[in-house]
N, C-alpha and C. Protein backbone atom coordinates (compact mmCIF):
# COMPACT_ATOMS: atom_id res chain seq x y z
N MET A 1 11.06 -3.58 -17.09
CA MET A 1 10.23 -4.61 -17.70
C MET A 1 8.79 -4.11 -17.78
N PRO A 2 8.09 -4.47 -18.81
CA PRO A 2 6.74 -3.95 -18.97
C PRO A 2 5.70 -4.62 -18.07
N PHE A 3 6.06 -5.74 -17.44
CA PHE A 3 5.08 -6.44 -16.60
C PHE A 3 5.70 -6.78 -15.25
N ALA A 4 4.89 -6.72 -14.21
CA ALA A 4 5.28 -7.21 -12.89
C ALA A 4 4.70 -8.61 -12.77
N ASP A 5 5.54 -9.60 -13.06
CA ASP A 5 5.06 -10.98 -13.04
C ASP A 5 6.19 -11.89 -12.56
N THR A 6 5.96 -13.18 -12.59
CA THR A 6 6.94 -14.15 -12.10
C THR A 6 8.24 -14.04 -12.88
N HIS A 7 8.16 -13.91 -14.19
CA HIS A 7 9.36 -13.79 -15.02
C HIS A 7 10.19 -12.56 -14.60
N ALA A 8 9.52 -11.43 -14.42
CA ALA A 8 10.22 -10.21 -14.02
C ALA A 8 10.84 -10.36 -12.64
N MET A 9 10.11 -10.98 -11.72
CA MET A 9 10.63 -11.18 -10.37
C MET A 9 11.85 -12.10 -10.38
N GLN A 10 11.80 -13.13 -11.19
CA GLN A 10 12.94 -14.04 -11.28
C GLN A 10 14.16 -13.31 -11.82
N ALA A 11 13.97 -12.51 -12.85
CA ALA A 11 15.07 -11.73 -13.42
C ALA A 11 15.63 -10.76 -12.37
N HIS A 12 14.75 -10.16 -11.58
CA HIS A 12 15.15 -9.24 -10.51
C HIS A 12 16.00 -9.97 -9.47
N LEU A 13 15.53 -11.12 -9.02
CA LEU A 13 16.30 -11.91 -8.04
C LEU A 13 17.66 -12.32 -8.59
N ASP A 14 17.67 -12.76 -9.83
CA ASP A 14 18.93 -13.19 -10.45
C ASP A 14 19.92 -12.03 -10.54
N GLU A 15 19.43 -10.85 -10.87
CA GLU A 15 20.30 -9.68 -10.98
C GLU A 15 20.84 -9.28 -9.60
N ILE A 16 19.99 -9.30 -8.60
CA ILE A 16 20.45 -9.00 -7.24
C ILE A 16 21.52 -10.00 -6.82
N ALA A 17 21.29 -11.27 -7.10
CA ALA A 17 22.21 -12.33 -6.67
C ALA A 17 23.62 -12.12 -7.20
N VAL A 18 23.75 -11.64 -8.43
CA VAL A 18 25.09 -11.46 -8.98
C VAL A 18 25.80 -10.23 -8.44
N THR A 19 25.05 -9.33 -7.78
CA THR A 19 25.67 -8.13 -7.22
C THR A 19 26.00 -8.26 -5.74
N VAL A 20 25.53 -9.33 -5.11
CA VAL A 20 25.84 -9.55 -3.69
C VAL A 20 27.30 -9.97 -3.57
N ALA A 21 28.01 -9.30 -2.67
CA ALA A 21 29.43 -9.60 -2.49
C ALA A 21 29.65 -11.06 -2.11
N LYS A 22 30.74 -11.62 -2.59
CA LYS A 22 31.08 -13.01 -2.28
C LYS A 22 31.14 -13.19 -0.76
N GLY A 23 30.47 -14.21 -0.28
CA GLY A 23 30.42 -14.49 1.14
C GLY A 23 29.34 -13.74 1.90
N ALA A 24 28.67 -12.80 1.22
CA ALA A 24 27.60 -12.02 1.85
C ALA A 24 26.25 -12.67 1.56
N HIS A 25 25.23 -12.21 2.26
CA HIS A 25 23.87 -12.72 2.07
C HIS A 25 22.93 -11.52 2.07
N ALA A 26 22.05 -11.45 1.10
CA ALA A 26 21.09 -10.34 0.99
C ALA A 26 19.75 -10.74 1.59
N MET A 27 19.16 -9.80 2.30
CA MET A 27 17.80 -9.96 2.81
C MET A 27 16.94 -9.00 1.99
N LEU A 28 15.97 -9.53 1.29
CA LEU A 28 15.12 -8.73 0.42
C LEU A 28 13.75 -8.58 1.06
N LEU A 29 13.39 -7.35 1.41
CA LEU A 29 12.12 -7.04 2.05
C LEU A 29 11.06 -6.85 0.98
N LEU A 30 9.97 -7.62 1.05
CA LEU A 30 8.95 -7.62 0.01
C LEU A 30 7.55 -7.52 0.58
N ASP A 31 6.66 -6.93 -0.20
CA ASP A 31 5.25 -7.02 0.15
C ASP A 31 4.75 -8.39 -0.35
N ARG A 32 3.48 -8.61 -0.26
CA ARG A 32 2.95 -9.93 -0.60
C ARG A 32 2.28 -9.97 -1.98
N ALA A 33 2.83 -9.20 -2.90
CA ALA A 33 2.32 -9.26 -4.27
C ALA A 33 2.46 -10.69 -4.78
N GLY A 34 1.53 -11.12 -5.61
CA GLY A 34 1.51 -12.49 -6.08
C GLY A 34 2.81 -12.94 -6.72
N TRP A 35 3.46 -12.06 -7.47
CA TRP A 35 4.71 -12.44 -8.13
C TRP A 35 5.87 -12.51 -7.16
N HIS A 36 5.70 -12.02 -5.93
CA HIS A 36 6.75 -12.15 -4.90
C HIS A 36 6.63 -13.48 -4.15
N THR A 37 5.42 -13.99 -4.08
CA THR A 37 5.17 -15.14 -3.20
C THR A 37 4.96 -16.45 -3.95
N ILE A 38 4.94 -16.41 -5.25
CA ILE A 38 4.65 -17.61 -6.03
C ILE A 38 5.74 -18.66 -5.81
N GLY A 39 5.35 -19.89 -5.66
CA GLY A 39 6.28 -20.98 -5.42
C GLY A 39 7.19 -21.32 -6.58
N LYS A 40 6.93 -20.74 -7.76
CA LYS A 40 7.73 -21.03 -8.95
C LYS A 40 9.06 -20.29 -8.97
N LEU A 41 9.28 -19.36 -8.04
CA LEU A 41 10.53 -18.61 -8.02
C LEU A 41 11.68 -19.50 -7.54
N ALA A 42 12.80 -19.37 -8.21
CA ALA A 42 14.03 -20.06 -7.78
C ALA A 42 14.87 -19.01 -7.05
N VAL A 43 14.71 -18.94 -5.74
CA VAL A 43 15.42 -17.93 -4.96
C VAL A 43 16.89 -18.33 -4.84
N PRO A 44 17.79 -17.46 -5.30
CA PRO A 44 19.21 -17.77 -5.21
C PRO A 44 19.64 -18.01 -3.76
N LYS A 45 20.66 -18.82 -3.59
CA LYS A 45 21.11 -19.21 -2.24
C LYS A 45 21.66 -18.04 -1.43
N ASN A 46 22.07 -16.97 -2.10
CA ASN A 46 22.63 -15.84 -1.36
C ASN A 46 21.59 -14.75 -1.09
N ILE A 47 20.32 -15.10 -1.22
CA ILE A 47 19.22 -14.17 -0.94
C ILE A 47 18.18 -14.87 -0.06
N SER A 48 17.68 -14.14 0.93
CA SER A 48 16.52 -14.59 1.70
C SER A 48 15.41 -13.57 1.52
N LEU A 49 14.19 -14.06 1.37
CA LEU A 49 13.03 -13.18 1.20
C LEU A 49 12.36 -12.99 2.55
N VAL A 50 12.08 -11.75 2.90
CA VAL A 50 11.39 -11.40 4.14
C VAL A 50 10.12 -10.68 3.73
N PHE A 51 8.98 -11.23 4.13
CA PHE A 51 7.70 -10.68 3.70
C PHE A 51 7.08 -9.79 4.76
N LEU A 52 6.62 -8.62 4.33
CA LEU A 52 5.92 -7.70 5.21
C LEU A 52 4.52 -8.25 5.50
N PRO A 53 3.94 -7.85 6.62
CA PRO A 53 2.56 -8.26 6.89
C PRO A 53 1.62 -7.72 5.81
N SER A 54 0.55 -8.42 5.57
CA SER A 54 -0.46 -7.96 4.61
C SER A 54 -1.08 -6.65 5.08
N ARG A 55 -1.46 -5.84 4.13
CA ARG A 55 -2.15 -4.58 4.38
C ARG A 55 -1.43 -3.69 5.40
N ALA A 56 -0.12 -3.50 5.19
CA ALA A 56 0.67 -2.65 6.07
C ALA A 56 1.59 -1.75 5.24
N PRO A 57 1.00 -0.88 4.39
CA PRO A 57 1.85 -0.05 3.52
C PRO A 57 2.79 0.87 4.29
N GLU A 58 2.45 1.19 5.54
CA GLU A 58 3.32 2.07 6.31
C GLU A 58 4.66 1.41 6.63
N LEU A 59 4.73 0.09 6.52
CA LEU A 59 5.98 -0.63 6.74
C LEU A 59 6.80 -0.76 5.47
N ASN A 60 6.23 -0.39 4.35
CA ASN A 60 6.88 -0.59 3.06
C ASN A 60 7.33 0.75 2.48
N PRO A 61 8.59 1.13 2.68
CA PRO A 61 9.06 2.44 2.21
C PRO A 61 8.92 2.64 0.71
N VAL A 62 8.91 1.57 -0.07
CA VAL A 62 8.80 1.76 -1.52
C VAL A 62 7.45 2.37 -1.89
N GLU A 63 6.44 2.17 -1.08
CA GLU A 63 5.15 2.82 -1.35
C GLU A 63 5.32 4.33 -1.37
N ASN A 64 6.17 4.86 -0.48
CA ASN A 64 6.42 6.30 -0.45
C ASN A 64 7.28 6.74 -1.63
N ILE A 65 8.15 5.87 -2.11
CA ILE A 65 8.95 6.18 -3.30
C ILE A 65 8.01 6.35 -4.50
N TRP A 66 7.07 5.40 -4.67
CA TRP A 66 6.13 5.50 -5.79
C TRP A 66 5.31 6.78 -5.68
N GLN A 67 4.88 7.10 -4.45
CA GLN A 67 4.09 8.32 -4.23
C GLN A 67 4.91 9.56 -4.63
N HIS A 68 6.18 9.57 -4.27
CA HIS A 68 7.06 10.69 -4.62
C HIS A 68 7.22 10.81 -6.15
N LEU A 69 7.43 9.68 -6.81
CA LEU A 69 7.56 9.70 -8.27
C LEU A 69 6.30 10.25 -8.93
N ARG A 70 5.15 9.78 -8.46
CA ARG A 70 3.90 10.27 -9.04
C ARG A 70 3.73 11.76 -8.78
N ALA A 71 3.96 12.18 -7.55
CA ALA A 71 3.73 13.57 -7.17
C ALA A 71 4.66 14.54 -7.89
N ASN A 72 5.88 14.11 -8.16
CA ASN A 72 6.88 15.03 -8.71
C ASN A 72 7.07 14.95 -10.22
N TRP A 73 6.79 13.80 -10.83
CA TRP A 73 7.10 13.68 -12.25
C TRP A 73 6.02 13.01 -13.09
N LEU A 74 5.09 12.31 -12.48
CA LEU A 74 4.20 11.49 -13.30
C LEU A 74 2.72 11.87 -13.23
N SER A 75 2.32 12.66 -12.26
CA SER A 75 0.89 12.94 -12.13
C SER A 75 0.46 14.11 -13.02
N ASN A 76 -0.84 14.19 -13.23
CA ASN A 76 -1.45 15.27 -14.00
C ASN A 76 -0.86 15.41 -15.40
N ARG A 77 -0.64 14.27 -16.03
CA ARG A 77 -0.09 14.26 -17.38
C ARG A 77 -0.91 13.30 -18.24
N VAL A 78 -0.95 13.58 -19.51
CA VAL A 78 -1.59 12.70 -20.46
C VAL A 78 -0.49 12.22 -21.42
N PHE A 79 -0.42 10.93 -21.61
CA PHE A 79 0.60 10.36 -22.49
C PHE A 79 -0.05 9.89 -23.78
N ASP A 80 0.61 10.15 -24.89
CA ASP A 80 0.07 9.76 -26.19
C ASP A 80 0.26 8.28 -26.49
N THR A 81 1.37 7.72 -26.03
CA THR A 81 1.66 6.33 -26.37
C THR A 81 2.22 5.59 -25.16
N TYR A 82 2.22 4.29 -25.28
CA TYR A 82 2.84 3.44 -24.26
C TYR A 82 4.31 3.82 -24.08
N ASP A 83 5.01 4.02 -25.18
CA ASP A 83 6.43 4.39 -25.12
C ASP A 83 6.64 5.70 -24.38
N ASP A 84 5.71 6.64 -24.51
CA ASP A 84 5.80 7.90 -23.78
C ASP A 84 5.68 7.65 -22.27
N ILE A 85 4.82 6.72 -21.89
CA ILE A 85 4.66 6.38 -20.47
C ILE A 85 5.96 5.76 -19.95
N VAL A 86 6.49 4.82 -20.69
CA VAL A 86 7.74 4.16 -20.28
C VAL A 86 8.86 5.18 -20.16
N GLN A 87 8.96 6.07 -21.14
CA GLN A 87 10.03 7.09 -21.10
C GLN A 87 9.87 8.02 -19.90
N ALA A 88 8.65 8.43 -19.62
CA ALA A 88 8.40 9.30 -18.47
C ALA A 88 8.76 8.59 -17.17
N ALA A 89 8.41 7.32 -17.07
CA ALA A 89 8.74 6.55 -15.86
C ALA A 89 10.25 6.41 -15.71
N CYS A 90 10.94 6.14 -16.81
CA CYS A 90 12.40 6.02 -16.77
C CYS A 90 13.04 7.35 -16.39
N ASP A 91 12.54 8.43 -16.97
CA ASP A 91 13.08 9.76 -16.64
C ASP A 91 12.87 10.08 -15.17
N ALA A 92 11.68 9.78 -14.66
CA ALA A 92 11.38 10.04 -13.24
C ALA A 92 12.32 9.22 -12.35
N TRP A 93 12.48 7.95 -12.69
CA TRP A 93 13.36 7.08 -11.90
C TRP A 93 14.79 7.61 -11.92
N ASN A 94 15.27 8.01 -13.09
CA ASN A 94 16.64 8.52 -13.19
C ASN A 94 16.83 9.81 -12.41
N HIS A 95 15.81 10.67 -12.40
CA HIS A 95 15.87 11.88 -11.57
C HIS A 95 16.02 11.50 -10.10
N LEU A 96 15.24 10.52 -9.69
CA LEU A 96 15.25 10.13 -8.28
C LEU A 96 16.57 9.45 -7.88
N VAL A 97 17.04 8.51 -8.67
CA VAL A 97 18.26 7.79 -8.27
C VAL A 97 19.50 8.68 -8.31
N ALA A 98 19.40 9.81 -8.98
CA ALA A 98 20.51 10.77 -8.97
C ALA A 98 20.58 11.52 -7.64
N LYS A 99 19.58 11.31 -6.79
CA LYS A 99 19.52 11.99 -5.49
C LYS A 99 19.35 10.96 -4.37
N PRO A 100 20.40 10.21 -4.05
CA PRO A 100 20.25 9.16 -3.04
C PRO A 100 19.81 9.70 -1.67
N GLU A 101 20.16 10.94 -1.37
CA GLU A 101 19.73 11.52 -0.09
C GLU A 101 18.21 11.68 -0.05
N THR A 102 17.60 11.92 -1.20
CA THR A 102 16.14 12.01 -1.26
C THR A 102 15.52 10.64 -1.01
N ILE A 103 16.08 9.62 -1.62
CA ILE A 103 15.58 8.26 -1.41
C ILE A 103 15.68 7.90 0.07
N THR A 104 16.81 8.23 0.69
CA THR A 104 16.99 7.93 2.11
C THR A 104 15.95 8.65 2.95
N SER A 105 15.72 9.93 2.65
CA SER A 105 14.76 10.69 3.46
C SER A 105 13.33 10.19 3.27
N ILE A 106 12.99 9.76 2.05
CA ILE A 106 11.65 9.24 1.80
C ILE A 106 11.43 7.91 2.52
N GLY A 107 12.44 7.06 2.48
CA GLY A 107 12.30 5.72 3.06
C GLY A 107 12.58 5.62 4.54
N ARG A 108 13.10 6.67 5.13
CA ARG A 108 13.48 6.64 6.54
C ARG A 108 12.25 6.51 7.44
N ARG A 109 12.38 5.68 8.42
CA ARG A 109 11.34 5.54 9.45
C ARG A 109 11.98 5.91 10.78
N ASN A 110 11.55 7.04 11.34
CA ASN A 110 12.17 7.51 12.59
C ASN A 110 12.10 6.47 13.69
N TRP A 111 11.00 5.72 13.76
CA TRP A 111 10.86 4.72 14.81
C TRP A 111 11.88 3.58 14.66
N ALA A 112 12.45 3.42 13.47
CA ALA A 112 13.44 2.37 13.25
C ALA A 112 14.86 2.88 13.52
N HIS A 113 15.00 4.16 13.78
CA HIS A 113 16.31 4.77 13.97
C HIS A 113 16.45 5.44 15.32
N ILE A 114 15.70 5.00 16.29
CA ILE A 114 15.77 5.57 17.63
C ILE A 114 17.17 5.35 18.18
N GLY A 115 17.79 6.43 18.63
CA GLY A 115 19.13 6.34 19.19
C GLY A 115 20.23 6.35 18.16
N HIS A 116 19.88 6.47 16.89
CA HIS A 116 20.88 6.51 15.81
C HIS A 116 20.80 7.87 15.13
N SER A 117 21.92 8.33 14.65
CA SER A 117 21.89 9.63 13.96
C SER A 117 21.64 9.47 12.49
């Protein structure tokens, strides 16, 4: 989606809700972006929102995902058009999701895995 807003967040929640296994419940970890916390969201019954503390990017692994995308595919480039930007972002995302082990290593927090392999 071209905008991070309430409409996009609602569509995101709705899409997650239909992929949650029957009888299961999803916990969605979010930062406190305005479109995450707005009271206008209709949170599906099979999802609970868990908000990270304010100003704690070290707790939010997605911040490191964005950093990886920028460092590996999106930085030091000039784009001619909006569509070129969107295409580059999609290409970067597709490169990354093709490597789930990379996503795991970027998002891993050793302090959260003490005693686990």
